[in-house]
N, C-alpha and C. Protein backbone atom coordinates (compact mmCIF):
# COMPACT_ATOMS: atom_id res chain seq x y z
N MET A 1 0.87 -1.18 0.13
CA MET A 1 -0.29 -0.05 -0.02
C MET A 1 0.67 1.12 -0.05
N ASN A 2 0.51 2.08 -1.21
CA ASN A 2 1.70 3.13 -0.95
C ASN A 2 0.65 4.63 -0.44
N MET A 3 1.05 5.03 0.26
CA MET A 3 0.39 6.15 1.08
C MET A 3 1.27 7.40 1.29
N SER A 4 0.95 8.51 0.58
CA SER A 4 1.55 9.63 0.82
C SER A 4 1.80 9.78 2.76
N HIS A 5 2.40 10.69 3.06
CA HIS A 5 2.12 11.40 4.37
C HIS A 5 1.21 11.82 4.77
N THR A 6 0.27 12.58 4.01
CA THR A 6 -0.69 13.04 4.35
C THR A 6 -1.70 12.24 4.74
N GLU A 7 -1.57 11.10 3.62
CA GLU A 7 -2.86 9.64 3.77
C GLU A 7 -2.39 9.12 4.96
N ARG A 8 -1.01 9.03 5.10
CA ARG A 8 -1.03 7.92 6.56
C ARG A 8 -1.64 8.74 7.68
N LEU A 9 -1.13 10.04 7.72
CA LEU A 9 -1.47 10.95 8.98
C LEU A 9 -3.01 10.73 9.21
N ILE A 10 -3.95 10.73 7.80
CA ILE A 10 -5.47 10.90 7.92
C ILE A 10 -5.92 9.32 8.50
N LEU A 11 -5.28 8.51 7.84
CA LEU A 11 -5.49 6.68 8.34
C LEU A 11 -5.11 6.71 10.06
N SER A 12 -3.87 7.17 10.43
CA SER A 12 -3.55 7.06 11.95
C SER A 12 -4.46 7.38 12.82
N ASN A 13 -5.22 8.58 12.16
CA ASN A 13 -5.90 9.73 13.08
C ASN A 13 -6.95 8.92 13.08
N GLN A 14 -7.86 8.29 11.93
CA GLN A 14 -8.90 7.53 12.07
C GLN A 14 -8.89 6.23 13.00
N TYR A 15 -7.99 5.77 12.89
CA TYR A 15 -7.56 4.39 13.80
C TYR A 15 -7.56 5.09 15.56
N GLU A 16 -6.98 6.04 15.65
CA GLU A 16 -7.14 6.61 17.20
C GLU A 16 -8.53 6.91 17.29
N ILE A 17 -9.28 7.46 16.09
CA ILE A 17 -10.78 7.86 16.76
C ILE A 17 -11.37 6.38 16.79
N LEU A 18 -10.85 5.48 16.43
CA LEU A 18 -11.75 4.33 16.60
C LEU A 18 -10.89 3.48 17.78
N ALA A 19 -10.33 3.94 18.20
CA ALA A 19 -10.02 3.26 19.55
C ALA A 19 -10.42 4.07 20.62
N LYS A 20 -10.65 5.24 20.49
CA LYS A 20 -11.55 5.87 22.02
C LYS A 20 -12.87 5.34 22.18
N LEU A 21 -13.50 4.79 20.08
CA LEU A 21 -15.01 4.90 20.32
C LEU A 21 -15.14 3.54 20.56
N ASN A 22 -14.05 2.65 20.75
CA ASN A 22 -14.25 0.96 20.61
C ASN A 22 -13.24 0.49 22.05
N PRO A 23 -13.75 0.98 22.91
CA PRO A 23 -12.43 0.71 24.60
C PRO A 23 -12.30 -0.72 24.09
N GLU A 24 -13.11 -1.66 23.59
CA GLU A 24 -12.64 -3.21 23.53
C GLU A 24 -11.68 -3.42 22.92
N GLN A 25 -11.77 -2.74 21.71
CA GLN A 25 -10.59 -3.06 20.52
C GLN A 25 -9.71 -1.68 20.58
N ALA A 26 -9.22 -1.25 21.52
CA ALA A 26 -8.48 -0.01 21.60
C ALA A 26 -6.97 -0.61 21.05
N ALA A 27 -6.60 -1.48 21.37
CA ALA A 27 -5.11 -2.11 21.68
C ALA A 27 -5.25 -2.34 20.19
N GLN A 28 -5.89 -2.89 19.56
CA GLN A 28 -6.01 -3.08 17.86
C GLN A 28 -5.93 -2.00 17.14
N TYR A 29 -6.57 -1.33 17.46
CA TYR A 29 -6.44 -0.05 16.54
C TYR A 29 -5.29 1.17 16.61
N GLN A 30 -4.79 0.95 18.29
CA GLN A 30 -3.47 1.59 18.62
C GLN A 30 -2.70 1.13 17.74
N ARG A 31 -2.32 -0.34 17.85
CA ARG A 31 -1.47 -0.89 16.71
C ARG A 31 -1.23 -0.55 15.32
N ALA A 32 -2.59 -0.72 14.78
CA ALA A 32 -2.93 0.15 13.15
C ALA A 32 -2.62 1.35 13.15
N SER A 33 -2.64 2.03 14.19
CA SER A 33 -2.18 3.58 13.90
C SER A 33 -0.86 3.53 13.90
N THR A 34 -0.13 2.89 15.32
CA THR A 34 1.68 2.80 15.47
C THR A 34 2.01 2.37 13.79
N ILE A 35 1.51 1.32 13.30
CA ILE A 35 2.08 0.76 11.97
C ILE A 35 2.20 1.91 10.80
N ILE A 36 0.70 2.78 10.86
CA ILE A 36 0.73 3.50 9.90
C ILE A 36 1.44 4.44 10.23
N GLU A 37 1.56 5.11 11.20
CA GLU A 37 2.28 6.45 11.37
C GLU A 37 3.45 6.06 11.16
N LYS A 38 4.29 4.99 11.55
CA LYS A 38 5.81 4.92 11.49
C LYS A 38 5.87 4.25 10.18
N GLY A 39 5.18 3.56 9.50
CA GLY A 39 5.39 3.41 7.91
C GLY A 39 6.26 1.73 8.05
N TYR A 40 5.99 0.90 9.01
CA TYR A 40 6.24 -0.32 8.92
C TYR A 40 5.29 -1.15 7.64
N CYS A 41 6.24 -1.45 6.57
CA CYS A 41 6.08 -1.87 5.40
C CYS A 41 5.44 -3.38 5.73
N LEU A 42 5.96 -4.40 6.18
CA LEU A 42 5.49 -5.71 6.00
C LEU A 42 4.40 -5.61 7.15
N GLN A 43 4.23 -4.76 8.22
CA GLN A 43 3.08 -4.84 9.08
C GLN A 43 1.82 -4.22 8.48
N ILE A 44 2.13 -3.18 7.36
CA ILE A 44 1.32 -2.66 6.23
C ILE A 44 0.45 -3.41 5.43
N LEU A 45 1.29 -4.37 4.98
CA LEU A 45 0.84 -5.51 4.17
C LEU A 45 -0.10 -6.14 4.70
N ALA A 46 0.11 -6.55 6.45
CA ALA A 46 -0.73 -7.46 7.16
C ALA A 46 -2.32 -6.53 6.94
N LEU A 47 -2.33 -5.64 7.55
CA LEU A 47 -3.09 -4.85 7.61
C LEU A 47 -4.03 -4.50 6.44
N GLU A 48 -3.51 -4.45 5.49
CA GLU A 48 -3.85 -4.48 3.82
C GLU A 48 -4.79 -5.81 3.87
N LYS A 49 -4.40 -6.71 3.77
CA LYS A 49 -5.20 -7.83 3.84
C LYS A 49 -6.74 -7.81 4.58
N ASP A 50 -6.80 -7.16 5.39
CA ASP A 50 -8.37 -6.83 5.95
C ASP A 50 -9.32 -5.96 5.24
N PHE A 51 -8.67 -5.35 4.37
CA PHE A 51 -9.81 -4.67 3.96
C PHE A 51 -9.99 -5.47 2.49
N GLY A 52 -9.42 -6.36 2.13
CA GLY A 52 -10.09 -7.19 0.93
C GLY A 52 -10.16 -6.72 -0.48
N HIS A 53 -10.55 -7.61 -1.28
CA HIS A 53 -10.79 -6.86 -2.95
C HIS A 53 -11.12 -8.45 -3.27
N LEU A 54 -12.26 -8.18 -4.27
CA LEU A 54 -12.87 -9.20 -5.45
C LEU A 54 -12.76 -8.12 -6.51
N ASP A 55 -12.36 -8.61 -7.21
CA ASP A 55 -12.57 -8.12 -8.86
C ASP A 55 -13.88 -8.05 -9.32
N LEU A 56 -13.75 -7.46 -10.60
CA LEU A 56 -15.35 -7.36 -10.95
C LEU A 56 -15.47 -9.08 -11.61
N ALA A 57 -14.86 -9.78 -12.27
CA ALA A 57 -15.45 -11.02 -12.83
C ALA A 57 -15.66 -11.95 -11.70
N THR A 58 -15.19 -11.75 -10.39
CA THR A 58 -15.32 -12.80 -9.29
C THR A 58 -16.76 -11.96 -9.03
N CYS A 59 -17.15 -10.83 -8.96
CA CYS A 59 -18.35 -10.55 -8.29
C CYS A 59 -19.21 -10.61 -8.90
N GLN A 60 -18.84 -10.74 -10.29
CA GLN A 60 -20.09 -11.50 -11.48
C GLN A 60 -20.16 -12.67 -11.50
N GLU A 61 -19.72 -13.47 -11.11
CA GLU A 61 -19.80 -14.94 -10.81
C GLU A 61 -20.32 -15.14 -9.70
N VAL A 62 -20.31 -14.43 -8.70
CA VAL A 62 -21.42 -14.87 -7.36
C VAL A 62 -22.49 -14.50 -7.95
N LEU A 63 -22.87 -13.24 -8.34
CA LEU A 63 -24.24 -12.84 -9.04
C LEU A 63 -24.63 -13.95 -9.88
N ASP A 64 -23.92 -14.47 -10.90
CA ASP A 64 -24.58 -15.67 -11.37
C ASP A 64 -25.07 -16.49 -10.99
N THR A 65 -24.18 -17.02 -9.87
CA THR A 65 -24.35 -18.44 -9.17
C THR A 65 -25.71 -18.15 -8.25
N LEU A 66 -25.85 -16.89 -7.85
CA LEU A 66 -27.26 -16.71 -7.13
C LEU A 66 -28.44 -16.45 -7.97
N GLU A 67 -28.20 -16.14 -9.24
CA GLU A 67 -29.24 -16.06 -10.48
C GLU A 67 -29.44 -17.44 -10.83
N LEU A 68 -28.23 -18.14 -10.55
CA LEU A 68 -28.68 -19.94 -11.15
C LEU A 68 -29.52 -20.61 -10.38
N HIS A 69 -29.15 -19.86 -9.20
CA HIS A 69 -30.11 -20.85 -7.86
C HIS A 69 -32.07 -20.32 -8.03
N HIS A 70 -31.58 -19.06 -8.51
CA HIS A 70 -32.93 -18.27 -8.69
C HIS A 70 -33.27 -19.10 -9.92
N ALA A 71 -33.28 -19.14 -11.12
CA ALA A 71 -33.64 -20.11 -11.57
C ALA A 71 -33.77 -21.60 -11.82
N LEU A 72 -33.52 -21.97 -11.16
CA LEU A 72 -33.48 -23.48 -10.61
C LEU A 72 -34.97 -23.70 -9.84
N ALA A 73 -34.95 -22.44 -8.85
CA ALA A 73 -35.93 -22.91 -8.10
C ALA A 73 -37.41 -22.27 -8.88
N ILE A 74 -37.12 -21.09 -9.69
CA ILE A 74 -38.40 -20.88 -10.84
C ILE A 74 -38.60 -22.17 -11.74
N SER A 75 -37.45 -22.57 -12.30
CA SER A 75 -37.99 -23.52 -13.10
C SER A 75 -38.30 -25.03 -12.66
N TRP A 76 -38.08 -25.73 -11.25
CA TRP A 76 -38.56 -26.51 -10.42
C TRP A 76 -40.20 -26.06 -10.28
N GLY A 77 -40.56 -24.84 -9.91
CA GLY A 77 -41.75 -24.44 -9.62
C GLY A 77 -42.63 -24.46 -10.90
N ASN A 78 -42.12 -24.57 -12.11
CA ASN A 78 -42.57 -24.74 -13.23
C ASN A 78 -43.02 -26.09 -13.46
N LEU A 79 -42.24 -27.07 -12.72
CA LEU A 79 -42.43 -27.99 -13.31
C LEU A 79 -43.59 -29.27 -13.06
N ASP A 80 -44.29 -29.92 -13.67
CA ASP A 80 -45.48 -30.26 -13.18
C ASP A 80 -45.21 -31.29 -11.71
N PRO A 81 -46.30 -31.71 -11.17
CA PRO A 81 -46.22 -32.35 -9.86
C PRO A 81 -45.19 -33.62 -9.84
N ALA A 82 -45.73 -34.18 -10.60
CA ALA A 82 -44.72 -35.68 -11.02
C ALA A 82 -43.64 -35.63 -11.02
N ASN A 83 -43.09 -34.31 -12.14
CA ASN A 83 -41.57 -34.24 -12.21
C ASN A 83 -40.83 -33.53 -10.70
N GLN A 84 -41.41 -32.77 -10.24
CA GLN A 84 -41.00 -32.09 -9.08
C GLN A 84 -40.58 -32.95 -7.83
N GLY A 85 -41.39 -34.46 -8.06
CA GLY A 85 -41.20 -35.26 -7.02
C GLY A 85 -39.73 -36.02 -7.27
N GLU A 86 -39.11 -35.90 -8.65
CA GLU A 86 -38.05 -36.32 -8.65
C GLU A 86 -36.80 -36.01 -8.29
N ILE A 87 -37.14 -34.37 -7.76
CA ILE A 87 -35.99 -33.88 -7.06
C ILE A 87 -36.47 -33.51 -6.34
N ALA A 88 -35.99 -33.14 -4.89
CA ALA A 88 -36.05 -32.34 -3.73
C ALA A 88 -36.12 -31.28 -3.61
N ALA A 89 -36.77 -30.24 -3.21
CA ALA A 89 -36.56 -29.21 -3.35
C ALA A 89 -35.54 -28.47 -2.37
N SER A 90 -34.96 -29.45 -1.44
CA SER A 90 -33.67 -28.68 -0.82
C SER A 90 -32.32 -29.07 -1.49
N ARG A 91 -32.45 -29.93 -2.71
CA ARG A 91 -31.62 -29.98 -3.98
C ARG A 91 -30.88 -28.68 -4.31
N LEU A 92 -32.08 -27.99 -4.20
CA LEU A 92 -32.07 -26.52 -5.25
C LEU A 92 -31.35 -25.43 -4.16
N ARG A 93 -31.47 -26.18 -2.87
CA ARG A 93 -31.09 -24.77 -2.18
C ARG A 93 -29.67 -24.14 -2.40
N PHE A 94 -29.20 -22.65 -2.11
CA PHE A 94 -28.11 -22.11 -2.32
C PHE A 94 -27.76 -22.47 -1.03
N ASN A 95 -26.43 -23.16 -0.96
CA ASN A 95 -25.37 -23.64 0.08
C ASN A 95 -24.26 -22.58 1.00
N GLY A 96 -24.06 -21.89 -0.22
CA GLY A 96 -23.23 -20.71 0.29
C GLY A 96 -21.74 -21.01 -0.16
N TYR A 97 -20.87 -20.36 0.40
CA TYR A 97 -19.34 -20.59 0.41
C TYR A 97 -18.79 -21.13 1.44
N SER A 98 -17.78 -21.44 1.90
CA SER A 98 -17.07 -22.50 2.79
C SER A 98 -16.20 -21.07 3.48
N ARG A 99 -17.06 -20.67 4.85
CA ARG A 99 -16.28 -19.60 5.39
C ARG A 99 -15.06 -19.92 5.91
N SER A 100 -14.48 -20.71 5.98
CA SER A 100 -12.70 -21.23 6.64
C SER A 100 -12.28 -21.03 5.11
N GLN A 101 -12.69 -21.24 3.67
CA GLN A 101 -11.96 -21.44 2.25
C GLN A 101 -12.29 -20.45 1.71
N GLU A 102 -13.56 -20.08 1.33
CA GLU A 102 -13.69 -18.76 0.70
C GLU A 102 -14.55 -17.79 1.17
N ALA A 103 -14.21 -16.83 2.29
CA ALA A 103 -14.33 -16.08 3.19
C ALA A 103 -15.09 -14.88 2.40
N ALA A 104 -13.83 -14.43 1.36
CA ALA A 104 -14.30 -12.83 0.63
C ALA A 104 -15.60 -13.55 -0.41
N LEU A 105 -16.15 -14.55 -0.68
CA LEU A 105 -17.03 -15.09 -1.50
C LEU A 105 -18.29 -14.64 -0.37
N ALA A 106 -18.33 -15.47 0.54
CA ALA A 106 -19.12 -15.97 1.43
C ALA A 106 -19.76 -14.32 1.81
N ASP A 107 -18.60 -13.38 1.99
CA ASP A 107 -18.90 -11.94 2.72
C ASP A 107 -19.69 -11.18 1.87
N TYR A 108 -19.30 -11.67 0.29
CA TYR A 108 -20.06 -11.03 -0.45
C TYR A 108 -21.36 -11.16 -1.21
N VAL A 109 -21.95 -13.06 -0.72
CA VAL A 109 -22.87 -12.95 -0.65
C VAL A 109 -23.92 -12.33 0.38
N CYS A 110 -23.35 -12.74 1.49
CA CYS A 110 -24.14 -11.51 2.82
C CYS A 110 -24.29 -9.99 2.27
N PHE A 111 -23.24 -9.31 1.53
CA PHE A 111 -23.86 -8.23 1.40
C PHE A 111 -24.39 -7.89 0.26
N LEU A 112 -24.77 -8.94 -0.72
CA LEU A 112 -25.60 -9.11 -1.71
C LEU A 112 -26.91 -9.06 -1.17
N LEU A 113 -27.21 -10.24 0.02
CA LEU A 113 -28.55 -10.65 0.56
C LEU A 113 -29.03 -9.44 1.44
N GLU A 114 -28.00 -9.16 2.41
CA GLU A 114 -28.62 -8.34 3.54
C GLU A 114 -28.77 -6.95 3.51
N VAL A 115 -27.26 -6.22 2.79
CA VAL A 115 -27.45 -4.95 2.58
C VAL A 115 -28.00 -4.36 1.40
N ASP A 116 -27.92 -5.07 0.20
CA ASP A 116 -28.61 -4.88 -1.30
C ASP A 116 -29.95 -5.13 -1.11
N LYS A 117 -30.16 -6.15 -0.32
CA LYS A 117 -31.55 -7.05 -0.45
C LYS A 117 -31.59 -7.78 -1.72
N ARG A 118 -30.63 -8.09 -2.64
CA ARG A 118 -31.16 -9.08 -3.39
C ARG A 118 -31.52 -10.12 -3.14
N PHE A 119 -32.05 -11.15 -4.13
CA PHE A 119 -32.35 -12.48 -4.19
C PHE A 119 -33.43 -12.70 -2.92
N PRO A 120 -34.13 -12.15 -2.48
CA PRO A 120 -35.11 -12.36 -1.13
C PRO A 120 -35.44 -13.42 -1.31
N GLU A 121 -36.04 -14.36 -2.44
CA GLU A 121 -36.67 -15.21 -2.46
C GLU A 121 -35.61 -16.78 -2.18
N LEU A 122 -34.41 -16.33 -2.24
CA LEU A 122 -33.67 -17.45 -1.94
C LEU A 122 -33.47 -17.63 -0.02
N ASP A 123 -34.00 -16.80 0.45
CA ASP A 123 -34.42 -16.87 1.94
C ASP A 123 -33.45 -17.98 2.86
N CYS A 124 -32.26 -17.17 2.57
CA CYS A 124 -30.81 -18.14 3.40
C CYS A 124 -30.62 -16.68 4.52
N PRO A 125 -30.79 -17.15 5.48
CA PRO A 125 -30.05 -15.81 6.42
C PRO A 125 -28.79 -16.35 6.39
N CYS A 126 -28.12 -14.97 6.44
CA CYS A 126 -26.40 -15.17 6.26
C CYS A 126 -26.00 -15.85 7.05
N ASP A 127 -26.13 -15.90 8.23
CA ASP A 127 -25.60 -16.54 9.30
C ASP A 127 -25.72 -18.30 9.28
N GLU A 128 -26.58 -18.60 8.46
CA GLU A 128 -26.84 -20.22 8.29
C GLU A 128 -26.10 -20.63 6.78
N LEU A 129 -25.59 -19.36 6.22
CA LEU A 129 -24.84 -19.50 5.01
C LEU A 129 -23.80 -20.04 4.83
N SER A 130 -23.35 -21.23 5.18
CA SER A 130 -21.63 -21.68 4.92
C SER A 130 -21.47 -22.94 5.07
N SER A 131 -20.86 -23.46 3.54
CA SER A 131 -20.88 -24.71 3.03
C SER A 131 -19.56 -25.24 4.07
N ASP A 132 -19.56 -26.58 4.29
CA ASP A 132 -18.62 -27.02 5.02
C ASP A 132 -17.01 -27.39 4.20
N ILE A 133 -17.88 -27.52 2.96
CA ILE A 133 -16.79 -27.42 1.84
C ILE A 133 -16.54 -26.44 0.75
N ALA A 134 -14.96 -26.23 0.29
CA ALA A 134 -15.52 -25.15 -0.72
C ALA A 134 -16.28 -25.20 -1.82
N MET A 135 -17.18 -24.55 -2.33
CA MET A 135 -17.99 -24.15 -3.25
C MET A 135 -17.83 -23.97 -4.65
N ARG A 136 -16.86 -23.01 -4.65
CA ARG A 136 -16.58 -22.07 -6.12
C ARG A 136 -16.86 -23.04 -6.92
N GLU A 137 -15.89 -24.07 -6.85
CA GLU A 137 -15.64 -24.82 -8.41
C GLU A 137 -16.75 -25.75 -9.01
N LYS A 138 -17.62 -25.99 -7.91
CA LYS A 138 -18.72 -27.00 -8.46
C LYS A 138 -19.63 -25.71 -8.70
N TYR A 139 -19.61 -24.58 -8.37
CA TYR A 139 -20.72 -23.74 -8.82
C TYR A 139 -20.30 -23.48 -10.09
N GLN A 140 -18.85 -23.04 -10.20
CA GLN A 140 -18.75 -22.43 -11.56
C GLN A 140 -19.10 -24.15 -12.71
N ARG A 141 -18.62 -25.36 -12.27
CA ARG A 141 -19.54 -26.38 -13.25
C ARG A 141 -21.02 -26.20 -13.59
N MET A 142 -21.56 -26.05 -12.39
CA MET A 142 -22.99 -25.68 -12.73
C MET A 142 -23.28 -24.35 -13.75
N LEU A 143 -22.44 -23.42 -13.22
CA LEU A 143 -22.62 -22.39 -14.47
C LEU A 143 -22.53 -22.56 -15.61
N ALA A 144 -21.46 -23.40 -16.13
CA ALA A 144 -21.35 -23.57 -17.17
C ALA A 144 -22.32 -24.37 -18.27
N LEU A 145 -23.02 -25.16 -17.40
CA LEU A 145 -23.90 -25.88 -17.77
C LEU A 145 -24.79 -24.90 -17.91
N TRP A 146 -25.77 -24.23 -17.06
CA TRP A 146 -26.60 -23.45 -16.98
C TRP A 146 -26.44 -22.61 -18.37
N ARG A 147 -25.57 -22.00 -18.55
CA ARG A 147 -25.05 -21.00 -19.65
C ARG A 147 -25.31 -21.69 -20.97
N GLN A 148 -25.44 -22.83 -21.25
CA GLN A 148 -25.53 -23.74 -22.33
C GLN A 148 -27.10 -23.76 -22.56
N CYS A 149 -27.80 -23.96 -21.52
CA CYS A 149 -29.53 -24.06 -21.85
C CYS A 149 -30.19 -22.82 -22.87
N PRO A 150 -30.57 -23.47 -23.43
CA PRO A 150 -31.39 -22.05 -24.55
C PRO A 150 -32.36 -21.37 -23.59
N ARG A 151 -33.01 -21.82 -22.54
CA ARG A 151 -33.95 -21.81 -22.07
C ARG A 151 -33.46 -21.30 -20.12
N GLN A 152 -32.86 -20.48 -19.94
CA GLN A 152 -32.55 -20.64 -18.41
C GLN A 152 -33.18 -20.10 -17.31
N TYR A 153 -34.66 -19.61 -17.58
CA TYR A 153 -35.64 -20.06 -16.51
C TYR A 153 -36.53 -20.76 -16.75
N LYS A 154 -36.39 -21.65 -17.81
CA LYS A 154 -37.64 -22.64 -18.02
C LYS A 154 -37.01 -23.62 -18.35
N LEU A 155 -36.05 -24.40 -17.23
CA LEU A 155 -35.15 -25.43 -17.26
C LEU A 155 -36.15 -26.83 -17.39
N SER A 156 -35.68 -27.55 -17.95
CA SER A 156 -36.41 -29.46 -18.11
C SER A 156 -35.76 -30.05 -16.87
N ILE A 157 -36.45 -30.79 -16.54
CA ILE A 157 -36.15 -31.64 -15.45
C ILE A 157 -34.98 -32.46 -15.67
N GLN A 158 -34.63 -32.76 -16.84
CA GLN A 158 -33.23 -33.48 -17.33
C GLN A 158 -32.22 -32.13 -17.02
N GLU A 159 -32.54 -30.72 -17.51
CA GLU A 159 -31.17 -29.82 -17.21
C GLU A 159 -31.41 -29.18 -15.60
N ILE A 160 -32.24 -29.56 -14.81
CA ILE A 160 -31.88 -29.31 -13.84
C ILE A 160 -30.93 -30.49 -13.14
N ARG A 161 -31.26 -31.66 -13.40
CA ARG A 161 -30.75 -32.82 -13.13
C ARG A 161 -29.41 -32.68 -13.00
N ASN A 162 -29.00 -32.51 -14.75
CA ASN A 162 -27.58 -32.10 -14.86
C ASN A 162 -26.85 -31.05 -14.39
N ILE A 163 -27.70 -30.08 -14.14
CA ILE A 163 -26.82 -28.98 -13.43
C ILE A 163 -26.51 -29.12 -12.16
N LEU A 164 -27.66 -29.79 -11.18
CA LEU A 164 -27.29 -30.27 -9.82
C LEU A 164 -26.13 -30.96 -9.98
N ALA A 165 -25.73 -32.25 -10.59
CA ALA A 165 -24.94 -33.04 -10.76
C ALA A 165 -23.44 -32.55 -11.21
N ALA A 166 -23.37 -31.39 -11.70
CA ALA A 166 -22.23 -30.87 -12.23
C ALA A 166 -21.13 -30.86 -11.41
C-alpha cells in the first residue's frame, strides 16, 4: 500500500478515533495506528489484507451463481408435480460458500442478501450460509452447464438434474 504522508496521517488519526470509540478493541486500533504512522511496510501489508478485494469478474460470478439458484427454483416450480417429485426442493437450495476457505465470497453473498436486499426469494439468512466444503468450483461447473441451456429460466427436469450433478 503506497500512501503519502498526508494519507498515513489521516488513516492513523482514524485508527486513533476508532480506539476511543471502541475501548474493547483499543489495543488493536492503537497497533494499527502505530504501524501506519511509522510506516512499517511488512505490517502495513498485513493490515491491507483486512480490506479485501474482489475483482469485477469474481463479483459477477457470485451474482451469476445466485441467479442460477433463482432460475433453478423458478424452473422447478414450473414443473408438473410428477417431475417435481423426482428432485427434492432442498437440493435446489443455495448452500453458500465455505467460510473457512472462501470467506471473501461468503462475505459478498451476505452483502448482496442483507445490505443490497438482492435475491429475497433465496430465503437464506446469512448466518446459516456456510458450506463445510469449498463450493466455488462446483458452482462454476453448474454455471457452465446453465449457460448452455437455451431457456435458462424454463429448465427441463433433465437440465435441472444435469446442473445439480455438475
